[in-house]
């Protein structure tokens, strides 16, 4: 079991912290994933890109719904 060195971010269902061994941990509900700092940067970049894509897709679908329906 790793001991927390520094909490990087935390909310009700997830937390990101660095352990004494230097690993970054992503804890989501009951899952605790440990990774190197380099892997964490890659994961964070992938999640950020997915968030932008998800936002764009949701914005497009909202815009499509606002358009009048023509028959």
PDB file of N, CA and C in Angstrom:
ATOM      1  N   UNK A   1       0.848  -1.189   0.000  1.00  0.00           N
ATOM      2  CA  UNK A   1       0.000   0.000   0.000  1.00  0.00           C
ATOM      3  C   UNK A   1       0.885   1.241   0.000  1.00  0.00           C
ATOM      4  N   UNK A   2       0.571   2.201  -0.804  1.00  0.00           N
ATOM      5  CA  UNK A   2       1.358   3.429  -0.884  1.00  0.00           C
ATOM      6  C   UNK A   2       0.849   4.450   0.124  1.00  0.00           C
ATOM      7  N   UNK A   3       1.752   5.266   0.562  1.00  0.00           N
ATOM      8  CA  UNK A   3       1.385   6.337   1.479  1.00  0.00           C
ATOM      9  C   UNK A   3       1.362   7.648   0.707  1.00  0.00           C
ATOM     10  N   UNK A   4       0.369   8.449   0.973  1.00  0.00           N
ATOM     11  CA  UNK A   4       0.207   9.709   0.255  1.00  0.00           C
ATOM     12  C   UNK A   4       1.312  10.682   0.629  1.00  0.00           C
ATOM     13  N   UNK A   5       1.904  11.285  -0.370  1.00  0.00           N
ATOM     14  CA  UNK A   5       2.878  12.342  -0.131  1.00  0.00           C
ATOM     15  C   UNK A   5       2.232  13.695  -0.360  1.00  0.00           C
ATOM     16  N   UNK A   6       1.467  13.800  -1.437  1.00  0.00           N
ATOM     17  CA  UNK A   6       0.875  15.091  -1.780  1.00  0.00           C
ATOM     18  C   UNK A   6      -0.432  14.871  -2.532  1.00  0.00           C
ATOM     19  N   UNK A   7      -1.485  15.497  -2.053  1.00  0.00           N
ATOM     20  CA  UNK A   7      -2.758  15.463  -2.762  1.00  0.00           C
ATOM     21  C   UNK A   7      -2.710  16.514  -3.858  1.00  0.00           C
ATOM     22  N   UNK A   8      -2.942  16.105  -5.092  1.00  0.00           N
ATOM     23  CA  UNK A   8      -2.891  17.025  -6.223  1.00  0.00           C
ATOM     24  C   UNK A   8      -4.267  17.578  -6.563  1.00  0.00           C
ATOM     25  N   UNK A   9      -5.305  16.760  -6.364  1.00  0.00           N
ATOM     26  CA  UNK A   9      -6.677  17.188  -6.618  1.00  0.00           C
ATOM     27  C   UNK A   9      -7.618  16.162  -6.004  1.00  0.00           C
ATOM     28  N   UNK A  10      -8.778  16.645  -5.557  1.00  0.00           N
ATOM     29  CA  UNK A  10      -9.708  15.735  -4.909  1.00  0.00           C
ATOM     30  C   UNK A  10     -11.123  16.292  -5.003  1.00  0.00           C
ATOM     31  N   UNK A  11     -12.101  15.396  -5.231  1.00  0.00           N
ATOM     32  CA  UNK A  11     -13.509  15.772  -5.135  1.00  0.00           C
ATOM     33  C   UNK A  11     -14.275  14.584  -4.573  1.00  0.00           C
ATOM     34  N   UNK A  12     -15.572  14.568  -4.698  1.00  0.00           N
ATOM     35  CA  UNK A  12     -16.384  13.539  -4.069  1.00  0.00           C
ATOM     36  C   UNK A  12     -16.148  12.118  -4.540  1.00  0.00           C
ATOM     37  N   UNK A  13     -15.809  11.903  -5.822  1.00  0.00           N
ATOM     38  CA  UNK A  13     -15.674  10.535  -6.326  1.00  0.00           C
ATOM     39  C   UNK A  13     -14.275  10.189  -6.816  1.00  0.00           C
ATOM     40  N   UNK A  14     -13.388  11.176  -6.941  1.00  0.00           N
ATOM     41  CA  UNK A  14     -12.049  10.844  -7.414  1.00  0.00           C
ATOM     42  C   UNK A  14     -10.997  11.735  -6.765  1.00  0.00           C
ATOM     43  N   UNK A  15      -9.766  11.248  -6.819  1.00  0.00           N
ATOM     44  CA  UNK A  15      -8.637  11.994  -6.268  1.00  0.00           C
ATOM     45  C   UNK A  15      -7.394  11.664  -7.080  1.00  0.00           C
ATOM     46  N   UNK A  16      -6.485  12.612  -7.141  1.00  0.00           N
ATOM     47  CA  UNK A  16      -5.180  12.400  -7.755  1.00  0.00           C
ATOM     48  C   UNK A  16      -4.157  12.785  -6.701  1.00  0.00           C
ATOM     49  N   UNK A  17      -3.229  11.869  -6.427  1.00  0.00           N
ATOM     50  CA  UNK A  17      -2.206  12.160  -5.428  1.00  0.00           C
ATOM     51  C   UNK A  17      -0.892  11.512  -5.829  1.00  0.00           C
ATOM     52  N   UNK A  18       0.184  11.985  -5.204  1.00  0.00           N
ATOM     53  CA  UNK A  18       1.501  11.412  -5.454  1.00  0.00           C
ATOM     54  C   UNK A  18       1.935  10.669  -4.200  1.00  0.00           C
ATOM     55  N   UNK A  19       2.397   9.437  -4.373  1.00  0.00           N
ATOM     56  CA  UNK A  19       2.823   8.630  -3.234  1.00  0.00           C
ATOM     57  C   UNK A  19       4.295   8.888  -2.928  1.00  0.00           C
ATOM     58  N   UNK A  20       4.755   8.311  -1.828  1.00  0.00           N
ATOM     59  CA  UNK A  20       6.142   8.491  -1.406  1.00  0.00           C
ATOM     60  C   UNK A  20       7.140   7.921  -2.409  1.00  0.00           C
ATOM     61  N   UNK A  21       6.709   6.955  -3.223  1.00  0.00           N
ATOM     62  CA  UNK A  21       7.593   6.383  -4.245  1.00  0.00           C
ATOM     63  C   UNK A  21       7.646   7.238  -5.504  1.00  0.00           C
ATOM     64  N   UNK A  22       6.860   8.309  -5.565  1.00  0.00           N
ATOM     65  CA  UNK A  22       6.875   9.206  -6.711  1.00  0.00           C
ATOM     66  C   UNK A  22       5.831   8.903  -7.768  1.00  0.00           C
ATOM     67  N   UNK A  23       5.063   7.826  -7.591  1.00  0.00           N
ATOM     68  CA  UNK A  23       4.009   7.506  -8.550  1.00  0.00           C
ATOM     69  C   UNK A  23       2.835   8.460  -8.385  1.00  0.00           C
ATOM     70  N   UNK A  24       2.149   8.703  -9.482  1.00  0.00           N
ATOM     71  CA  UNK A  24       0.904   9.456  -9.448  1.00  0.00           C
ATOM     72  C   UNK A  24      -0.221   8.427  -9.385  1.00  0.00           C
ATOM     73  N   UNK A  25      -1.144   8.631  -8.466  1.00  0.00           N
ATOM     74  CA  UNK A  25      -2.277   7.724  -8.305  1.00  0.00           C
ATOM     75  C   UNK A  25      -3.556   8.435  -8.700  1.00  0.00           C
ATOM     76  N   UNK A  26      -4.355   7.757  -9.503  1.00  0.00           N
ATOM     77  CA  UNK A  26      -5.692   8.209  -9.859  1.00  0.00           C
ATOM     78  C   UNK A  26      -6.651   7.272  -9.141  1.00  0.00           C
ATOM     79  N   UNK A  27      -7.355   7.803  -8.162  1.00  0.00           N
ATOM     80  CA  UNK A  27      -8.293   6.987  -7.392  1.00  0.00           C
ATOM     81  C   UNK A  27      -9.702   7.396  -7.787  1.00  0.00           C
ATOM     82  N   UNK A  28     -10.448   6.432  -8.325  1.00  0.00           N
ATOM     83  CA  UNK A  28     -11.827   6.662  -8.750  1.00  0.00           C
ATOM     84  C   UNK A  28     -12.695   5.615  -8.087  1.00  0.00           C
ATOM     85  N   UNK A  29     -13.580   6.076  -7.215  1.00  0.00           N
ATOM     86  CA  UNK A  29     -14.430   5.181  -6.426  1.00  0.00           C
ATOM     87  C   UNK A  29     -13.551   4.142  -5.751  1.00  0.00           C
ATOM     88  N   UNK A  30     -13.645   2.875  -6.069  1.00  0.00           N
ATOM     89  CA  UNK A  30     -12.838   1.850  -5.415  1.00  0.00           C
ATOM     90  C   UNK A  30     -11.576   1.469  -6.166  1.00  0.00           C
ATOM     91  N   UNK A  31     -11.296   2.131  -7.276  1.00  0.00           N
ATOM     92  CA  UNK A  31     -10.153   1.787  -8.122  1.00  0.00           C
ATOM     93  C   UNK A  31      -9.014   2.763  -7.849  1.00  0.00           C
ATOM     94  N   UNK A  32      -7.800   2.243  -7.691  1.00  0.00           N
ATOM     95  CA  UNK A  32      -6.622   3.082  -7.481  1.00  0.00           C
ATOM     96  C   UNK A  32      -5.574   2.670  -8.509  1.00  0.00           C
ATOM     97  N   UNK A  33      -5.320   3.534  -9.486  1.00  0.00           N
ATOM     98  CA  UNK A  33      -4.373   3.246 -10.563  1.00  0.00           C
ATOM     99  C   UNK A  33      -3.104   4.055 -10.318  1.00  0.00           C
ATOM    100  N   UNK A  34      -1.975   3.362 -10.238  1.00  0.00           N
ATOM    101  CA  UNK A  34      -0.679   4.020 -10.055  1.00  0.00           C
ATOM    102  C   UNK A  34       0.031   4.092 -11.401  1.00  0.00           C
ATOM    103  N   UNK A  35       0.721   5.206 -11.635  1.00  0.00           N
ATOM    104  CA  UNK A  35       1.449   5.379 -12.891  1.00  0.00           C
ATOM    105  C   UNK A  35       2.643   6.293 -12.670  1.00  0.00           C
ATOM    106  N   UNK A  36       3.546   6.277 -13.617  1.00  0.00           N
ATOM    107  CA  UNK A  36       4.686   7.184 -13.549  1.00  0.00           C
ATOM    108  C   UNK A  36       4.204   8.600 -13.860  1.00  0.00           C
ATOM    109  N   UNK A  37       4.967   9.606 -13.452  1.00  0.00           N
ATOM    110  CA  UNK A  37       4.577  10.969 -13.818  1.00  0.00           C
ATOM    111  C   UNK A  37       4.452  11.157 -15.336  1.00  0.00           C
ATOM    112  N   UNK A  38       5.324  10.510 -16.114  1.00  0.00           N
ATOM    113  CA  UNK A  38       5.247  10.626 -17.577  1.00  0.00           C
ATOM    114  C   UNK A  38       3.938  10.030 -18.102  1.00  0.00           C
ATOM    115  N   UNK A  39       3.546   8.874 -17.568  1.00  0.00           N
ATOM    116  CA  UNK A  39       2.277   8.275 -17.981  1.00  0.00           C
ATOM    117  C   UNK A  39       1.102   9.160 -17.579  1.00  0.00           C
ATOM    118  N   UNK A  40       1.214   9.791 -16.413  1.00  0.00           N
ATOM    119  CA  UNK A  40       0.148  10.683 -15.955  1.00  0.00           C
ATOM    120  C   UNK A  40      -0.020  11.858 -16.912  1.00  0.00           C
ATOM    121  N   UNK A  41       1.079  12.454 -17.363  1.00  0.00           N
ATOM    122  CA  UNK A  41       0.991  13.566 -18.317  1.00  0.00           C
ATOM    123  C   UNK A  41       0.302  13.120 -19.606  1.00  0.00           C
ATOM    124  N   UNK A  42       0.644  11.919 -20.073  1.00  0.00           N
ATOM    125  CA  UNK A  42       0.020  11.409 -21.297  1.00  0.00           C
ATOM    126  C   UNK A  42      -1.467  11.154 -21.070  1.00  0.00           C
ATOM    127  N   UNK A  43      -1.821  10.551 -19.941  1.00  0.00           N
ATOM    128  CA  UNK A  43      -3.225  10.301 -19.612  1.00  0.00           C
ATOM    129  C   UNK A  43      -3.995  11.612 -19.493  1.00  0.00           C
ATOM    130  N   UNK A  44      -3.415  12.582 -18.802  1.00  0.00           N
ATOM    131  CA  UNK A  44      -4.087  13.872 -18.626  1.00  0.00           C
ATOM    132  C   UNK A  44      -4.328  14.553 -19.973  1.00  0.00           C
ATOM    133  N   UNK A  45      -3.358  14.472 -20.871  1.00  0.00           N
ATOM    134  CA  UNK A  45      -3.529  15.047 -22.203  1.00  0.00           C
ATOM    135  C   UNK A  45      -4.634  14.358 -22.986  1.00  0.00           C
ATOM    136  N   UNK A  46      -4.696  13.045 -22.877  1.00  0.00           N
ATOM    137  CA  UNK A  46      -5.737  12.278 -23.560  1.00  0.00           C
ATOM    138  C   UNK A  46      -7.113  12.628 -23.017  1.00  0.00           C
ATOM    139  N   UNK A  47      -7.222  12.737 -21.692  1.00  0.00           N
ATOM    140  CA  UNK A  47      -8.505  13.094 -21.082  1.00  0.00           C
ATOM    141  C   UNK A  47      -8.909  14.514 -21.474  1.00  0.00           C
ATOM    142  N   UNK A  48      -7.956  15.443 -21.482  1.00  0.00           N
ATOM    143  CA  UNK A  48      -8.263  16.821 -21.870  1.00  0.00           C
ATOM    144  C   UNK A  48      -8.765  16.876 -23.313  1.00  0.00           C
ATOM    145  N   UNK A  49      -8.123  16.127 -24.196  1.00  0.00           N
ATOM    146  CA  UNK A  49      -8.556  16.089 -25.598  1.00  0.00           C
ATOM    147  C   UNK A  49      -9.956  15.487 -25.711  1.00  0.00           C
ATOM    148  N   UNK A  50     -10.211  14.425 -24.956  1.00  0.00           N
ATOM    149  CA  UNK A  50     -11.534  13.794 -24.975  1.00  0.00           C
ATOM    150  C   UNK A  50     -12.601  14.750 -24.460  1.00  0.00           C
ATOM    151  N   UNK A  51     -12.265  15.528 -23.441  1.00  0.00           N
ATOM    152  CA  UNK A  51     -13.231  16.499 -22.908  1.00  0.00           C
ATOM    153  C   UNK A  51     -13.591  17.542 -23.957  1.00  0.00           C
ATOM    154  N   UNK A  52     -12.599  18.024 -24.696  1.00  0.00           N
ATOM    155  CA  UNK A  52     -12.868  19.008 -25.746  1.00  0.00           C
ATOM    156  C   UNK A  52     -13.723  18.401 -26.856  1.00  0.00           C
ATOM    157  N   UNK A  53     -13.411  17.171 -27.247  1.00  0.00           N
ATOM    158  CA  UNK A  53     -14.200  16.488 -28.273  1.00  0.00           C
ATOM    159  C   UNK A  53     -15.625  16.273 -27.794  1.00  0.00           C
ATOM    160  N   UNK A  54     -15.783  15.819 -26.556  1.00  0.00           N
ATOM    161  CA  UNK A  54     -17.102  15.585 -25.979  1.00  0.00           C
ATOM    162  C   UNK A  54     -17.894  16.887 -25.933  1.00  0.00           C
ATOM    163  N   UNK A  55     -17.245  17.974 -25.520  1.00  0.00           N
ATOM    164  CA  UNK A  55     -17.905  19.282 -25.462  1.00  0.00           C
ATOM    165  C   UNK A  55     -18.335  19.713 -26.860  1.00  0.00           C
ATOM    166  N   UNK A  56     -17.444  19.563 -27.840  1.00  0.00           N
ATOM    167  CA  UNK A  56     -17.776  19.939 -29.216  1.00  0.00           C
ATOM    168  C   UNK A  56     -18.939  19.112 -29.744  1.00  0.00           C
ATOM    169  N   UNK A  57     -18.916  17.797 -29.486  1.00  0.00           N
ATOM    170  CA  UNK A  57     -20.002  16.928 -29.954  1.00  0.00           C
ATOM    171  C   UNK A  57     -21.323  17.318 -29.314  1.00  0.00           C
ATOM    172  N   UNK A  58     -21.307  17.609 -28.017  1.00  0.00           N
ATOM    173  CA  UNK A  58     -22.540  18.007 -27.334  1.00  0.00           C
ATOM    174  C   UNK A  58     -23.026  19.362 -27.819  1.00  0.00           C
ATOM    175  N   UNK A  59     -22.107  20.279 -28.094  1.00  0.00           N
ATOM    176  CA  UNK A  59     -22.481  21.595 -28.599  1.00  0.00           C
ATOM    177  C   UNK A  59     -23.107  21.461 -29.981  1.00  0.00           C
ATOM    178  N   UNK A  60     -22.517  20.612 -30.832  1.00  0.00           N
ATOM    179  CA  UNK A  60     -23.069  20.402 -32.176  1.00  0.00           C
ATOM    180  C   UNK A  60     -24.466  19.807 -32.092  1.00  0.00           C
ATOM    181  N   UNK A  61     -24.656  18.827 -31.221  1.00  0.00           N
ATOM    182  CA  UNK A  61     -25.977  18.202 -31.133  1.00  0.00           C
ATOM    183  C   UNK A  61     -26.993  19.178 -30.556  1.00  0.00           C
ATOM    184  N   UNK A  62     -26.581  20.052 -29.645  1.00  0.00           N
ATOM    185  CA  UNK A  62     -27.495  21.069 -29.130  1.00  0.00           C
ATOM    186  C   UNK A  62     -27.849  22.063 -30.226  1.00  0.00           C
ATOM    187  N   UNK A  63     -26.859  22.443 -31.039  1.00  0.00           N
ATOM    188  CA  UNK A  63     -27.096  23.367 -32.141  1.00  0.00           C
ATOM    189  C   UNK A  63     -28.036  22.742 -33.159  1.00  0.00           C
ATOM    190  N   UNK A  64     -27.839  21.464 -33.453  1.00  0.00           N
ATOM    191  CA  UNK A  64     -28.715  20.769 -34.403  1.00  0.00           C
ATOM    192  C   UNK A  64     -30.156  20.755 -33.909  1.00  0.00           C
ATOM    193  N   UNK A  65     -30.348  20.582 -32.602  1.00  0.00           N
ATOM    194  CA  UNK A  65     -31.702  20.538 -32.054  1.00  0.00           C
ATOM    195  C   UNK A  65     -32.378  21.903 -32.109  1.00  0.00           C
ATOM    196  N   UNK A  66     -31.581  22.969 -32.116  1.00  0.00           N
ATOM    197  CA  UNK A  66     -32.152  24.311 -32.151  1.00  0.00           C
ATOM    198  C   UNK A  66     -32.617  24.699 -33.553  1.00  0.00           C
ATOM    199  N   UNK A  67     -32.177  23.962 -34.564  1.00  0.00           N
ATOM    200  CA  UNK A  67     -32.544  24.277 -35.939  1.00  0.00           C
ATOM    201  C   UNK A  67     -33.994  23.868 -36.188  1.00  0.00           C
ATOM    202  N   UNK A  68     -34.720  24.674 -36.947  1.00  0.00           N
ATOM    203  CA  UNK A  68     -36.106  24.307 -37.257  1.00  0.00           C
ATOM    204  C   UNK A  68     -36.139  23.047 -38.111  1.00  0.00           C
ATOM    205  N   UNK A  69     -37.152  22.269 -37.902  1.00  0.00           N
ATOM    206  CA  UNK A  69     -37.327  21.035 -38.673  1.00  0.00           C
ATOM    207  C   UNK A  69     -38.117  21.374 -39.931  1.00  0.00           C
ATOM    208  N   UNK A  70     -37.567  21.006 -41.093  1.00  0.00           N
ATOM    209  CA  UNK A  70     -38.269  21.255 -42.353  1.00  0.00           C
ATOM    210  C   UNK A  70     -38.645  19.921 -42.969  1.00  0.00           C
ATOM    211  N   UNK A  71     -39.790  19.904 -43.608  1.00  0.00           N
ATOM    212  CA  UNK A  71     -40.269  18.665 -44.228  1.00  0.00           C
ATOM    213  C   UNK A  71     -40.404  18.869 -45.708  1.00  0.00           C
TER     214      UNK A  71
END
